[in-house]
C-alpha atoms as a PDB file:
ATOM      1  CA  UNK A   1       0.000   0.000   0.000  1.00  0.00           C
ATOM      2  CA  UNK A   2       1.444   3.330  -1.068  1.00  0.00           C
ATOM      3  CA  UNK A   3       1.574   5.983   1.608  1.00  0.00           C
ATOM      4  CA  UNK A   4       1.808   9.684   0.923  1.00  0.00           C
ATOM      5  CA  UNK A   5       3.522  11.832   3.524  1.00  0.00           C
ATOM      6  CA  UNK A   6       3.067  15.593   3.422  1.00  0.00           C
ATOM      7  CA  UNK A   7       5.290  18.174   5.081  1.00  0.00           C
ATOM      8  CA  UNK A   8       5.936  21.888   4.980  1.00  0.00           C
ATOM      9  CA  UNK A   9       2.767  23.337   6.407  1.00  0.00           C
ATOM     10  CA  UNK A  10       2.750  25.992   9.074  1.00  0.00           C
ATOM     11  CA  UNK A  11       1.790  29.501  10.075  1.00  0.00           C
ATOM     12  CA  UNK A  12       2.680  32.385   7.788  1.00  0.00           C
ATOM     13  CA  UNK A  13       1.661  35.992   7.456  1.00  0.00           C
ATOM     14  CA  UNK A  14      -0.361  37.200   4.513  1.00  0.00           C
ATOM     15  CA  UNK A  15       1.918  37.816   1.555  1.00  0.00           C
ATOM     16  CA  UNK A  16       4.331  35.144   2.666  1.00  0.00           C
ATOM     17  CA  UNK A  17       5.328  31.850   1.090  1.00  0.00           C
ATOM     18  CA  UNK A  18       5.299  28.177   1.944  1.00  0.00           C
ATOM     19  CA  UNK A  19       6.483  25.084   0.127  1.00  0.00           C
ATOM     20  CA  UNK A  20       4.634  21.863   0.707  1.00  0.00           C
ATOM     21  CA  UNK A  21       6.156  18.493  -0.077  1.00  0.00           C
ATOM     22  CA  UNK A  22       4.604  15.089  -0.489  1.00  0.00           C
ATOM     23  CA  UNK A  23       6.620  11.910  -0.821  1.00  0.00           C
ATOM     24  CA  UNK A  24       5.296   8.525  -1.871  1.00  0.00           C
ATOM     25  CA  UNK A  25       6.548   5.751   0.377  1.00  0.00           C
ATOM     26  CA  UNK A  26       7.448   3.367  -2.441  1.00  0.00           C
ATOM     27  CA  UNK A  27       9.981   4.491  -5.001  1.00  0.00           C
ATOM     28  CA  UNK A  28       8.732   1.834  -7.385  1.00  0.00           C
ATOM     29  CA  UNK A  29       5.304   3.454  -7.444  1.00  0.00           C
ATOM     30  CA  UNK A  30       4.830   5.337 -10.680  1.00  0.00           C
ATOM     31  CA  UNK A  31       1.756   7.523 -10.480  1.00  0.00           C
ATOM     32  CA  UNK A  32      -0.069   8.822 -13.511  1.00  0.00           C
ATOM     33  CA  UNK A  33      -0.459  12.121 -11.675  1.00  0.00           C
ATOM     34  CA  UNK A  34      -0.319  13.700  -8.260  1.00  0.00           C
ATOM     35  CA  UNK A  35      -2.460  16.509  -6.967  1.00  0.00           C
ATOM     36  CA  UNK A  36      -3.152  18.801  -4.078  1.00  0.00           C
ATOM     37  CA  UNK A  37      -6.567  19.421  -2.587  1.00  0.00           C
ATOM     38  CA  UNK A  38      -7.424  21.570   0.413  1.00  0.00           C
ATOM     39  CA  UNK A  39     -10.177  21.873   2.950  1.00  0.00           C
ATOM     40  CA  UNK A  40     -10.852  25.105   4.774  1.00  0.00           C
ATOM     41  CA  UNK A  41     -12.788  25.177   8.055  1.00  0.00           C
ATOM     42  CA  UNK A  42     -16.477  24.676   7.423  1.00  0.00           C
ATOM     43  CA  UNK A  43     -16.008  24.130   3.696  1.00  0.00           C
ATOM     44  CA  UNK A  44     -15.854  21.197   1.346  1.00  0.00           C
ATOM     45  CA  UNK A  45     -12.545  19.876   0.127  1.00  0.00           C
ATOM     46  CA  UNK A  46     -11.531  21.482  -3.148  1.00  0.00           C
ATOM     47  CA  UNK A  47      -9.052  20.882  -5.939  1.00  0.00           C
ATOM     48  CA  UNK A  48      -5.931  23.067  -5.963  1.00  0.00           C
ATOM     49  CA  UNK A  49      -3.524  21.696  -8.561  1.00  0.00           C
ATOM     50  CA  UNK A  50      -2.515  18.545 -10.420  1.00  0.00           C
ATOM     51  CA  UNK A  51       0.604  17.531 -12.300  1.00  0.00           C
ATOM     52  CA  UNK A  52       0.967  14.738 -14.796  1.00  0.00           C
ATOM     53  CA  UNK A  53       3.922  12.572 -13.886  1.00  0.00           C
ATOM     54  CA  UNK A  54       5.255  11.814 -17.360  1.00  0.00           C
ATOM     55  CA  UNK A  55       4.925  15.247 -18.970  1.00  0.00           C
ATOM     56  CA  UNK A  56       4.922  17.619 -16.018  1.00  0.00           C
ATOM     57  CA  UNK A  57       1.844  19.333 -17.373  1.00  0.00           C
ATOM     58  CA  UNK A  58       0.059  21.179 -14.588  1.00  0.00           C
ATOM     59  CA  UNK A  59      -3.412  22.534 -13.999  1.00  0.00           C
ATOM     60  CA  UNK A  60      -4.621  24.898 -11.291  1.00  0.00           C
ATOM     61  CA  UNK A  61      -7.845  26.103  -9.813  1.00  0.00           C
ATOM     62  CA  UNK A  62      -8.502  29.720 -10.733  1.00  0.00           C
ATOM     63  CA  UNK A  63      -8.099  31.076  -7.212  1.00  0.00           C
ATOM     64  CA  UNK A  64      -4.417  30.082  -7.022  1.00  0.00           C
ATOM     65  CA  UNK A  65      -3.244  30.715 -10.578  1.00  0.00           C
ATOM     66  CA  UNK A  66      -0.206  32.958 -10.664  1.00  0.00           C
ATOM     67  CA  UNK A  67       0.540  32.379  -6.976  1.00  0.00           C
ATOM     68  CA  UNK A  68       1.004  28.629  -6.757  1.00  0.00           C
ATOM     69  CA  UNK A  69       3.289  26.247  -8.630  1.00  0.00           C
ATOM     70  CA  UNK A  70       3.090  22.472  -8.538  1.00  0.00           C
ATOM     71  CA  UNK A  71       6.190  20.513  -9.485  1.00  0.00           C
ATOM     72  CA  UNK A  72       7.535  17.011  -9.152  1.00  0.00           C
ATOM     73  CA  UNK A  73      10.753  15.087  -8.712  1.00  0.00           C
ATOM     74  CA  UNK A  74      10.262  11.771 -10.444  1.00  0.00           C
ATOM     75  CA  UNK A  75      13.383  10.206  -8.967  1.00  0.00           C
ATOM     76  CA  UNK A  76      12.214  10.956  -5.435  1.00  0.00           C
ATOM     77  CA  UNK A  77       8.532  10.287  -6.128  1.00  0.00           C
ATOM     78  CA  UNK A  78       7.838  13.651  -4.559  1.00  0.00           C
ATOM     79  CA  UNK A  79       5.452  16.406  -5.497  1.00  0.00           C
ATOM     80  CA  UNK A  80       5.774  19.995  -4.315  1.00  0.00           C
ATOM     81  CA  UNK A  81       3.421  22.916  -3.965  1.00  0.00           C
ATOM     82  CA  UNK A  82       5.127  26.301  -3.883  1.00  0.00           C
ATOM     83  CA  UNK A  83       2.694  28.876  -2.581  1.00  0.00           C
ATOM     84  CA  UNK A  84       3.487  32.586  -2.800  1.00  0.00           C
ATOM     85  CA  UNK A  85       1.541  35.736  -1.972  1.00  0.00           C
ATOM     86  CA  UNK A  86      -0.512  33.743   0.489  1.00  0.00           C
ATOM     87  CA  UNK A  87      -3.874  35.077   1.585  1.00  0.00           C
ATOM     88  CA  UNK A  88      -5.935  34.343   4.698  1.00  0.00           C
ATOM     89  CA  UNK A  89      -8.405  32.508   2.469  1.00  0.00           C
ATOM     90  CA  UNK A  90      -5.666  30.015   1.650  1.00  0.00           C
ATOM     91  CA  UNK A  91      -5.898  28.755   5.225  1.00  0.00           C
ATOM     92  CA  UNK A  92      -6.789  25.072   5.040  1.00  0.00           C
ATOM     93  CA  UNK A  93      -5.575  21.544   5.501  1.00  0.00           C
ATOM     94  CA  UNK A  94      -3.734  20.613   2.327  1.00  0.00           C
ATOM     95  CA  UNK A  95      -3.881  17.036   1.105  1.00  0.00           C
ATOM     96  CA  UNK A  96      -1.655  15.243  -1.350  1.00  0.00           C
ATOM     97  CA  UNK A  97      -3.257  12.680  -3.668  1.00  0.00           C
ATOM     98  CA  UNK A  98      -2.015  10.269  -6.292  1.00  0.00           C
ATOM     99  CA  UNK A  99      -3.707   8.299  -9.025  1.00  0.00           C
ATOM    100  CA  UNK A 100      -2.495   5.178 -10.767  1.00  0.00           C
ATOM    101  CA  UNK A 101      -4.160   5.922 -14.061  1.00  0.00           C
ATOM    102  CA  UNK A 102      -6.187   8.616 -15.746  1.00  0.00           C
ATOM    103  CA  UNK A 103      -9.947   8.485 -15.364  1.00  0.00           C
ATOM    104  CA  UNK A 104     -10.821  11.828 -16.871  1.00  0.00           C
ATOM    105  CA  UNK A 105     -11.811  13.707 -13.725  1.00  0.00           C
ATOM    106  CA  UNK A 106      -8.626  15.287 -12.422  1.00  0.00           C
ATOM    107  CA  UNK A 107     -10.490  17.905 -10.432  1.00  0.00           C
ATOM    108  CA  UNK A 108     -12.547  15.405  -8.438  1.00  0.00           C
ATOM    109  CA  UNK A 109     -11.575  13.311  -5.437  1.00  0.00           C
ATOM    110  CA  UNK A 110     -12.747   9.915  -6.781  1.00  0.00           C
ATOM    111  CA  UNK A 111     -10.094  10.221  -9.492  1.00  0.00           C
ATOM    112  CA  UNK A 112      -7.410   9.406  -6.970  1.00  0.00           C
ATOM    113  CA  UNK A 113      -6.296   6.187  -5.351  1.00  0.00           C
ATOM    114  CA  UNK A 114      -4.102   7.372  -2.506  1.00  0.00           C
ATOM    115  CA  UNK A 115      -4.353  10.182   0.016  1.00  0.00           C
ATOM    116  CA  UNK A 116      -1.991  11.750   2.484  1.00  0.00           C
ATOM    117  CA  UNK A 117      -2.909  12.698   6.035  1.00  0.00           C
ATOM    118  CA  UNK A 118      -2.876  16.406   5.335  1.00  0.00           C
ATOM    119  CA  UNK A 119      -0.795  19.331   6.493  1.00  0.00           C
ATOM    120  CA  UNK A 120      -2.174  22.505   8.037  1.00  0.00           C
ATOM    121  CA  UNK A 121      -1.516  25.847   6.390  1.00  0.00           C
ATOM    122  CA  UNK A 122      -2.568  28.917   8.334  1.00  0.00           C
ATOM    123  CA  UNK A 123      -2.251  32.406   6.870  1.00  0.00           C
ATOM    124  CA  UNK A 124      -2.668  35.271   9.301  1.00  0.00           C
ATOM    125  CA  UNK A 125      -3.843  38.704   8.223  1.00  0.00           C
END
């Protein structure tokens, strides 16, 4: 069973930056894609970004475009989320997800096979 372990969350002031990391426990695991979702207090979990493992092509939700970059290190089976110009509304638990193959619904949770435990990001105003 593949485990995803997130790190890098924390408390930051508005306008600051954080870099989240997520490592897959098995180096032999070759995902089709990895993604980040987030869940703010009292809200549903939402898609943030996804990156295709083979091509590095990335997609973002509109609210983070221009501020957030998803990247991956294939050799380390690790995905990153660089977040800049953070806003209080970015406060959430951020989850790393991975899928084994493409199902056509990258923005939806059922697309993914594995989930991390989440890492808290808090942005103070």
